[in-house]
């Protein structure tokens, strides 16, 4: 039954990837499916932002969201350790980890958590976060359950990294398009000024740049205003 649920989850996630991809929505769905596939009480995820800082990304319940946030804020807990070490962190009896996580363990026990297992989200040596599952009774996850969790974690890692690559490519394309458009309007402004002032394009450019510097105007925006007639530079 677990294998069947794992396969269905992978198919469902694959469908998510071909549509407009939303990382938070994807990870929220993943946490919900982890609970069913691994037969645990709850799940949560933390991922790094653009500055490399861990942030809460998703949680299957409100109490898990609070525990995940606590881990990030206090920099301790299974997710933080899994992220830092790049290795799975399994604690079958959370009461025995009080000394290691003095802030996290009491709060987790109060929330009804008895055992945890965290899977690192990483590509080779590049960590991007961690997935954490919570159990309401002490005990170890069997090999098949652990394998299912690792498979879904790896799938999530690939999805997030691919989304970031796509977003970076889109951002770079937008920056290039903006640069090209700026160049076009600048050349148009040089042509307008050259004709109006009776000078060559290079002299027109110098006149345009000097005008912008004196008045604190961005060159591209100034060029647009020259082209549309909002600003008229006289000789």
C-alpha atoms as a PDB file:
ATOM      1  CA  UNK A   1       0.000   0.000   0.000  1.00  0.00           C
ATOM      2  CA  UNK A   2       2.857   2.366   0.846  1.00  0.00           C
ATOM      3  CA  UNK A   3       4.495   1.770  -2.533  1.00  0.00           C
ATOM      4  CA  UNK A   4       1.226   2.514  -4.270  1.00  0.00           C
ATOM      5  CA  UNK A   5       0.801   5.760  -2.352  1.00  0.00           C
ATOM      6  CA  UNK A   6       4.389   6.718  -3.147  1.00  0.00           C
ATOM      7  CA  UNK A   7       3.877   6.159  -6.862  1.00  0.00           C
ATOM      8  CA  UNK A   8       0.646   8.155  -6.882  1.00  0.00           C
ATOM      9  CA  UNK A   9       2.367  10.976  -5.012  1.00  0.00           C
ATOM     10  CA  UNK A  10       5.236  11.058  -7.535  1.00  0.00           C
ATOM     11  CA  UNK A  11       2.770  11.181 -10.428  1.00  0.00           C
ATOM     12  CA  UNK A  12       0.856  13.979  -8.729  1.00  0.00           C
ATOM     13  CA  UNK A  13       4.038  15.968  -8.164  1.00  0.00           C
ATOM     14  CA  UNK A  14       5.092  15.460 -11.788  1.00  0.00           C
ATOM     15  CA  UNK A  15       1.802  17.012 -12.878  1.00  0.00           C
ATOM     16  CA  UNK A  16       2.553  19.986 -10.642  1.00  0.00           C
ATOM     17  CA  UNK A  17       5.893  20.556 -12.346  1.00  0.00           C
ATOM     18  CA  UNK A  18       4.492  20.926 -15.850  1.00  0.00           C
ATOM     19  CA  UNK A  19       2.048  23.636 -14.779  1.00  0.00           C
ATOM     20  CA  UNK A  20       2.829  27.065 -13.299  1.00  0.00           C
ATOM     21  CA  UNK A  21       5.151  26.010 -10.509  1.00  0.00           C
ATOM     22  CA  UNK A  22       4.688  27.491  -7.047  1.00  0.00           C
ATOM     23  CA  UNK A  23       7.294  26.307  -4.530  1.00  0.00           C
ATOM     24  CA  UNK A  24       5.195  26.935  -1.418  1.00  0.00           C
ATOM     25  CA  UNK A  25       2.132  25.235  -2.886  1.00  0.00           C
ATOM     26  CA  UNK A  26       4.271  22.324  -4.044  1.00  0.00           C
ATOM     27  CA  UNK A  27       5.915  21.843  -0.632  1.00  0.00           C
ATOM     28  CA  UNK A  28       2.590  22.154   1.172  1.00  0.00           C
ATOM     29  CA  UNK A  29       1.198  19.366  -0.991  1.00  0.00           C
ATOM     30  CA  UNK A  30       4.366  17.353  -0.421  1.00  0.00           C
ATOM     31  CA  UNK A  31       4.024  17.632   3.370  1.00  0.00           C
ATOM     32  CA  UNK A  32       0.432  16.470   3.161  1.00  0.00           C
ATOM     33  CA  UNK A  33       1.411  13.475   1.040  1.00  0.00           C
ATOM     34  CA  UNK A  34       4.366  12.622   3.290  1.00  0.00           C
ATOM     35  CA  UNK A  35       1.938  12.180   6.185  1.00  0.00           C
ATOM     36  CA  UNK A  36      -0.061   9.622   4.207  1.00  0.00           C
ATOM     37  CA  UNK A  37       2.817   7.840   2.492  1.00  0.00           C
ATOM     38  CA  UNK A  38       4.997   7.534   5.600  1.00  0.00           C
ATOM     39  CA  UNK A  39       2.073   7.143   8.001  1.00  0.00           C
ATOM     40  CA  UNK A  40       3.363   9.855  10.342  1.00  0.00           C
ATOM     41  CA  UNK A  41       1.433  12.480  12.274  1.00  0.00           C
ATOM     42  CA  UNK A  42       2.757  15.603  10.550  1.00  0.00           C
ATOM     43  CA  UNK A  43       5.439  17.007   8.247  1.00  0.00           C
ATOM     44  CA  UNK A  44       7.129  20.322   7.552  1.00  0.00           C
ATOM     45  CA  UNK A  45       9.751  21.864   5.279  1.00  0.00           C
ATOM     46  CA  UNK A  46      12.341  24.610   5.537  1.00  0.00           C
ATOM     47  CA  UNK A  47      14.288  25.958   2.563  1.00  0.00           C
ATOM     48  CA  UNK A  48      16.919  28.628   2.005  1.00  0.00           C
ATOM     49  CA  UNK A  49      16.059  32.004   0.556  1.00  0.00           C
ATOM     50  CA  UNK A  50      18.226  33.925  -1.941  1.00  0.00           C
ATOM     51  CA  UNK A  51      20.536  34.969   0.860  1.00  0.00           C
ATOM     52  CA  UNK A  52      21.086  31.395   2.048  1.00  0.00           C
ATOM     53  CA  UNK A  53      18.945  31.792   5.169  1.00  0.00           C
ATOM     54  CA  UNK A  54      16.602  29.001   6.263  1.00  0.00           C
ATOM     55  CA  UNK A  55      12.924  29.902   6.176  1.00  0.00           C
ATOM     56  CA  UNK A  56       9.700  28.061   6.925  1.00  0.00           C
ATOM     57  CA  UNK A  57       8.302  26.925   3.582  1.00  0.00           C
ATOM     58  CA  UNK A  58       5.409  24.599   4.382  1.00  0.00           C
ATOM     59  CA  UNK A  59       3.785  22.540   7.116  1.00  0.00           C
ATOM     60  CA  UNK A  60       0.929  20.074   7.294  1.00  0.00           C
ATOM     61  CA  UNK A  61      -0.425  21.517  10.573  1.00  0.00           C
ATOM     62  CA  UNK A  62      -0.249  24.740  12.536  1.00  0.00           C
ATOM     63  CA  UNK A  63       1.682  23.160  15.393  1.00  0.00           C
ATOM     64  CA  UNK A  64       4.324  21.943  12.950  1.00  0.00           C
ATOM     65  CA  UNK A  65       4.582  25.410  11.416  1.00  0.00           C
ATOM     66  CA  UNK A  66       5.310  26.756  14.901  1.00  0.00           C
ATOM     67  CA  UNK A  67       7.937  24.070  15.557  1.00  0.00           C
ATOM     68  CA  UNK A  68       9.591  24.632  12.182  1.00  0.00           C
ATOM     69  CA  UNK A  69       9.704  28.377  12.817  1.00  0.00           C
ATOM     70  CA  UNK A  70      11.214  27.725  16.248  1.00  0.00           C
ATOM     71  CA  UNK A  71      13.959  25.615  14.675  1.00  0.00           C
ATOM     72  CA  UNK A  72      14.826  28.356  12.209  1.00  0.00           C
ATOM     73  CA  UNK A  73      14.762  31.128  14.798  1.00  0.00           C
ATOM     74  CA  UNK A  74      16.751  29.274  17.461  1.00  0.00           C
ATOM     75  CA  UNK A  75      18.952  27.437  14.951  1.00  0.00           C
ATOM     76  CA  UNK A  76      18.422  24.063  16.550  1.00  0.00           C
ATOM     77  CA  UNK A  77      16.367  20.974  15.839  1.00  0.00           C
ATOM     78  CA  UNK A  78      16.319  18.037  13.422  1.00  0.00           C
ATOM     79  CA  UNK A  79      15.762  20.144  10.300  1.00  0.00           C
ATOM     80  CA  UNK A  80      18.641  22.464  11.109  1.00  0.00           C
ATOM     81  CA  UNK A  81      20.965  19.533  11.817  1.00  0.00           C
ATOM     82  CA  UNK A  82      19.943  17.727   8.629  1.00  0.00           C
ATOM     83  CA  UNK A  83      20.496  20.887   6.595  1.00  0.00           C
ATOM     84  CA  UNK A  84      23.910  21.563   8.127  1.00  0.00           C
ATOM     85  CA  UNK A  85      25.211  17.990   7.995  1.00  0.00           C
ATOM     86  CA  UNK A  86      23.637  16.884   4.727  1.00  0.00           C
ATOM     87  CA  UNK A  87      22.604  13.645   6.449  1.00  0.00           C
ATOM     88  CA  UNK A  88      19.315  12.215   7.648  1.00  0.00           C
ATOM     89  CA  UNK A  89      18.622  12.905  11.317  1.00  0.00           C
ATOM     90  CA  UNK A  90      16.418  10.339  13.077  1.00  0.00           C
ATOM     91  CA  UNK A  91      15.493  10.488  16.758  1.00  0.00           C
ATOM     92  CA  UNK A  92      13.196   7.598  17.792  1.00  0.00           C
ATOM     93  CA  UNK A  93      12.661   9.005  21.292  1.00  0.00           C
ATOM     94  CA  UNK A  94      12.730  12.786  21.477  1.00  0.00           C
ATOM     95  CA  UNK A  95      13.046  12.777  25.272  1.00  0.00           C
ATOM     96  CA  UNK A  96      16.637  11.597  24.876  1.00  0.00           C
ATOM     97  CA  UNK A  97      17.574  14.668  22.822  1.00  0.00           C
ATOM     98  CA  UNK A  98      16.903  17.291  25.510  1.00  0.00           C
ATOM     99  CA  UNK A  99      20.587  18.069  25.998  1.00  0.00           C
ATOM    100  CA  UNK A 100      21.203  18.425  22.261  1.00  0.00           C
ATOM    101  CA  UNK A 101      18.136  20.586  21.524  1.00  0.00           C
ATOM    102  CA  UNK A 102      17.316  22.258  24.865  1.00  0.00           C
ATOM    103  CA  UNK A 103      14.827  24.714  23.361  1.00  0.00           C
ATOM    104  CA  UNK A 104      13.229  22.605  20.641  1.00  0.00           C
ATOM    105  CA  UNK A 105      12.616  19.367  22.572  1.00  0.00           C
ATOM    106  CA  UNK A 106      10.434  20.783  25.398  1.00  0.00           C
ATOM    107  CA  UNK A 107       8.268  22.663  22.902  1.00  0.00           C
ATOM    108  CA  UNK A 108       7.963  19.604  20.671  1.00  0.00           C
ATOM    109  CA  UNK A 109       7.021  17.351  23.577  1.00  0.00           C
ATOM    110  CA  UNK A 110       4.398  19.857  24.688  1.00  0.00           C
ATOM    111  CA  UNK A 111       2.968  19.735  21.166  1.00  0.00           C
ATOM    112  CA  UNK A 112       2.642  15.952  21.371  1.00  0.00           C
ATOM    113  CA  UNK A 113       5.694  15.052  19.284  1.00  0.00           C
ATOM    114  CA  UNK A 114       7.500  11.911  20.473  1.00  0.00           C
ATOM    115  CA  UNK A 115       9.902  11.165  17.604  1.00  0.00           C
ATOM    116  CA  UNK A 116      11.266  12.958  14.539  1.00  0.00           C
ATOM    117  CA  UNK A 117      13.080  12.251  11.310  1.00  0.00           C
ATOM    118  CA  UNK A 118      14.546  14.941   9.054  1.00  0.00           C
ATOM    119  CA  UNK A 119      15.739  14.487   5.468  1.00  0.00           C
ATOM    120  CA  UNK A 120      18.265  16.916   3.966  1.00  0.00           C
ATOM    121  CA  UNK A 121      17.327  18.581   0.702  1.00  0.00           C
ATOM    122  CA  UNK A 122      20.556  18.871  -1.241  1.00  0.00           C
ATOM    123  CA  UNK A 123      22.170  18.320  -4.610  1.00  0.00           C
ATOM    124  CA  UNK A 124      25.629  16.879  -4.070  1.00  0.00           C
ATOM    125  CA  UNK A 125      27.230  19.322  -1.616  1.00  0.00           C
ATOM    126  CA  UNK A 126      24.669  22.081  -2.201  1.00  0.00           C
ATOM    127  CA  UNK A 127      22.067  22.133   0.629  1.00  0.00           C
ATOM    128  CA  UNK A 128      18.812  23.996   0.065  1.00  0.00           C
ATOM    129  CA  UNK A 129      16.737  22.915   3.068  1.00  0.00           C
ATOM    130  CA  UNK A 130      15.238  19.941   4.870  1.00  0.00           C
ATOM    131  CA  UNK A 131      12.004  17.998   5.266  1.00  0.00           C
ATOM    132  CA  UNK A 132      10.921  16.936   8.747  1.00  0.00           C
ATOM    133  CA  UNK A 133       8.358  14.284   9.724  1.00  0.00           C
ATOM    134  CA  UNK A 134       6.887  14.043  13.224  1.00  0.00           C
ATOM    135  CA  UNK A 135       5.523  11.024  15.094  1.00  0.00           C
ATOM    136  CA  UNK A 136       3.192  11.115  18.081  1.00  0.00           C
ATOM    137  CA  UNK A 137       4.665   7.922  19.575  1.00  0.00           C
ATOM    138  CA  UNK A 138       8.291   6.852  20.107  1.00  0.00           C
ATOM    139  CA  UNK A 139       9.722   4.440  17.545  1.00  0.00           C
ATOM    140  CA  UNK A 140      11.952   4.054  14.520  1.00  0.00           C
ATOM    141  CA  UNK A 141      10.777   4.270  10.938  1.00  0.00           C
ATOM    142  CA  UNK A 142      11.333   1.059   9.008  1.00  0.00           C
ATOM    143  CA  UNK A 143      13.580   0.927   5.944  1.00  0.00           C
ATOM    144  CA  UNK A 144      10.739   1.060   3.426  1.00  0.00           C
ATOM    145  CA  UNK A 145       9.218   4.123   5.092  1.00  0.00           C
ATOM    146  CA  UNK A 146      12.559   5.882   5.271  1.00  0.00           C
ATOM    147  CA  UNK A 147      13.218   5.106   1.608  1.00  0.00           C
ATOM    148  CA  UNK A 148       9.830   6.540   0.615  1.00  0.00           C
ATOM    149  CA  UNK A 149      10.603   9.720   2.531  1.00  0.00           C
ATOM    150  CA  UNK A 150      13.987  10.071   0.888  1.00  0.00           C
ATOM    151  CA  UNK A 151      12.541   9.556  -2.600  1.00  0.00           C
ATOM    152  CA  UNK A 152       9.960  12.295  -2.101  1.00  0.00           C
ATOM    153  CA  UNK A 153      12.588  14.583  -0.568  1.00  0.00           C
ATOM    154  CA  UNK A 154      14.879  14.077  -3.557  1.00  0.00           C
ATOM    155  CA  UNK A 155      11.997  14.807  -5.914  1.00  0.00           C
ATOM    156  CA  UNK A 156      11.238  18.021  -4.042  1.00  0.00           C
ATOM    157  CA  UNK A 157      14.897  19.043  -4.172  1.00  0.00           C
ATOM    158  CA  UNK A 158      15.080  18.583  -7.935  1.00  0.00           C
ATOM    159  CA  UNK A 159      11.830  20.484  -8.407  1.00  0.00           C
ATOM    160  CA  UNK A 160      12.951  23.455  -6.321  1.00  0.00           C
ATOM    161  CA  UNK A 161      16.378  23.667  -7.942  1.00  0.00           C
ATOM    162  CA  UNK A 162      14.787  23.503 -11.398  1.00  0.00           C
ATOM    163  CA  UNK A 163      12.336  26.239 -10.436  1.00  0.00           C
ATOM    164  CA  UNK A 164      15.191  28.444  -9.260  1.00  0.00           C
ATOM    165  CA  UNK A 165      17.110  27.891 -12.478  1.00  0.00           C
ATOM    166  CA  UNK A 166      14.022  28.794 -14.500  1.00  0.00           C
ATOM    167  CA  UNK A 167      13.377  31.900 -12.413  1.00  0.00           C
ATOM    168  CA  UNK A 168      16.988  33.003 -12.770  1.00  0.00           C
ATOM    169  CA  UNK A 169      16.824  32.475 -16.530  1.00  0.00           C
ATOM    170  CA  UNK A 170      13.583  34.468 -16.714  1.00  0.00           C
ATOM    171  CA  UNK A 171      15.123  37.256 -14.637  1.00  0.00           C
ATOM    172  CA  UNK A 172      18.194  37.376 -16.848  1.00  0.00           C
ATOM    173  CA  UNK A 173      16.037  37.444 -19.972  1.00  0.00           C
ATOM    174  CA  UNK A 174      14.014  40.339 -18.537  1.00  0.00           C
ATOM    175  CA  UNK A 175      17.209  42.214 -17.697  1.00  0.00           C
ATOM    176  CA  UNK A 176      18.519  41.686 -21.227  1.00  0.00           C
ATOM    177  CA  UNK A 177      15.244  42.826 -22.736  1.00  0.00           C
ATOM    178  CA  UNK A 178      15.311  45.947 -20.573  1.00  0.00           C
ATOM    179  CA  UNK A 179      18.894  46.667 -21.642  1.00  0.00           C
ATOM    180  CA  UNK A 180      17.988  46.282 -25.304  1.00  0.00           C
ATOM    181  CA  UNK A 181      14.964  48.531 -24.975  1.00  0.00           C
ATOM    182  CA  UNK A 182      17.073  51.131 -23.154  1.00  0.00           C
ATOM    183  CA  UNK A 183      19.643  51.051 -25.945  1.00  0.00           C
ATOM    184  CA  UNK A 184      16.946  51.569 -28.576  1.00  0.00           C
ATOM    185  CA  UNK A 185      15.394  54.567 -26.845  1.00  0.00           C
ATOM    186  CA  UNK A 186      18.833  56.057 -26.221  1.00  0.00           C
ATOM    187  CA  UNK A 187      19.703  55.839 -29.908  1.00  0.00           C
ATOM    188  CA  UNK A 188      16.364  57.433 -30.766  1.00  0.00           C
ATOM    189  CA  UNK A 189      17.036  60.315 -28.365  1.00  0.00           C
ATOM    190  CA  UNK A 190      20.496  60.840 -29.858  1.00  0.00           C
ATOM    191  CA  UNK A 191      18.920  61.036 -33.311  1.00  0.00           C
ATOM    192  CA  UNK A 192      16.299  63.548 -32.146  1.00  0.00           C
ATOM    193  CA  UNK A 193      18.921  65.753 -30.507  1.00  0.00           C
ATOM    194  CA  UNK A 194      21.399  65.484 -33.363  1.00  0.00           C
ATOM    195  CA  UNK A 195      18.779  66.736 -35.792  1.00  0.00           C
ATOM    196  CA  UNK A 196      17.435  69.437 -33.478  1.00  0.00           C
ATOM    197  CA  UNK A 197      20.847  70.784 -32.449  1.00  0.00           C
ATOM    198  CA  UNK A 198      22.594  70.231 -35.765  1.00  0.00           C
ATOM    199  CA  UNK A 199      25.372  68.099 -34.229  1.00  0.00           C
ATOM    200  CA  UNK A 200      26.626  64.564 -34.754  1.00  0.00           C
ATOM    201  CA  UNK A 201      25.201  61.663 -32.627  1.00  0.00           C
ATOM    202  CA  UNK A 202      28.247  61.517 -30.330  1.00  0.00           C
ATOM    203  CA  UNK A 203      27.914  65.192 -29.456  1.00  0.00           C
ATOM    204  CA  UNK A 204      24.188  64.695 -28.939  1.00  0.00           C
ATOM    205  CA  UNK A 205      24.915  61.884 -26.501  1.00  0.00           C
ATOM    206  CA  UNK A 206      27.354  64.027 -24.514  1.00  0.00           C
ATOM    207  CA  UNK A 207      24.737  66.801 -24.347  1.00  0.00           C
ATOM    208  CA  UNK A 208      22.123  64.302 -23.152  1.00  0.00           C
ATOM    209  CA  UNK A 209      24.372  62.810 -20.489  1.00  0.00           C
ATOM    210  CA  UNK A 210      25.482  66.217 -19.200  1.00  0.00           C
ATOM    211  CA  UNK A 211      21.847  67.364 -18.919  1.00  0.00           C
ATOM    212  CA  UNK A 212      20.936  64.245 -16.979  1.00  0.00           C
ATOM    213  CA  UNK A 213      23.858  64.513 -14.557  1.00  0.00           C
ATOM    214  CA  UNK A 214      23.171  68.147 -13.730  1.00  0.00           C
ATOM    215  CA  UNK A 215      19.507  67.413 -12.950  1.00  0.00           C
ATOM    216  CA  UNK A 216      19.966  63.953 -11.402  1.00  0.00           C
ATOM    217  CA  UNK A 217      17.945  62.166 -14.090  1.00  0.00           C
ATOM    218  CA  UNK A 218      18.461  58.555 -15.143  1.00  0.00           C
ATOM    219  CA  UNK A 219      19.830  58.502 -18.677  1.00  0.00           C
ATOM    220  CA  UNK A 220      17.300  56.030 -20.070  1.00  0.00           C
ATOM    221  CA  UNK A 221      14.326  57.855 -18.571  1.00  0.00           C
ATOM    222  CA  UNK A 222      15.675  61.164 -19.842  1.00  0.00           C
ATOM    223  CA  UNK A 223      16.033  59.670 -23.311  1.00  0.00           C
ATOM    224  CA  UNK A 224      12.388  58.531 -23.253  1.00  0.00           C
ATOM    225  CA  UNK A 225      11.239  62.018 -22.336  1.00  0.00           C
ATOM    226  CA  UNK A 226      13.337  63.534 -25.110  1.00  0.00           C
ATOM    227  CA  UNK A 227      11.833  61.132 -27.636  1.00  0.00           C
ATOM    228  CA  UNK A 228       8.216  61.757 -26.543  1.00  0.00           C
ATOM    229  CA  UNK A 229       8.778  65.513 -26.306  1.00  0.00           C
ATOM    230  CA  UNK A 230       8.338  65.845 -22.530  1.00  0.00           C
ATOM    231  CA  UNK A 231      11.779  67.425 -22.309  1.00  0.00           C
ATOM    232  CA  UNK A 232      13.194  69.690 -25.003  1.00  0.00           C
ATOM    233  CA  UNK A 233      16.948  70.302 -24.964  1.00  0.00           C
ATOM    234  CA  UNK A 234      17.925  73.474 -26.789  1.00  0.00           C
ATOM    235  CA  UNK A 235      21.347  74.292 -28.192  1.00  0.00           C
END
